[in-house]
């Protein structure tokens, strides 16, 4: 319980001064506290907790007769994206060229159009994107290219280590 004393004493005392009657106002805060707890209880019991969300995972097809071919992507449907230093992006389609002749340079802003173009020109079951971050690429580029996969609605993509041949070609093409 809380009390609020509003009694006033104006300090005038003397023979001709009429003595004021002291008033005391008492405010009972118990109902307000009860209401607070009642509202808190209502919101705790009536709210729902966040629903568990699952990550969509695309599994390889295991219905093929030969298990060796089940996880193999067709070279014609593959788009390989290589991330270099200073936010440089290179890509090639299909099989890699040992000299890097099929490599094309792009930027992080333009790679989405290449992904969409390749996705539209390739059957959906054959389309796969291989992402290879180079030794000099930065973490933000990897996150940006993974965001591009989500934005472009690419279901099949893989983040793999860059091999030695691609590493040499990437080093020669970086400025």
Foldseek 3Di string as FASTA:
>chain_A
DDFDFPFDDPPDDDDPDDDDDTDGDGDDCVVVVVVVVVVVVVVVVPDDDDDDDDDDADDFDPPDPDNVCRPDAAQQQEKEWEADAPQKIKIAGGDADLQRPRIDTDGLVCVLVVLLVSCVVDPLVRHEYEYEYAPRGDPVSVVSVVVSCVVSVNNHYYYDYDDPSVNVNRVVPDD
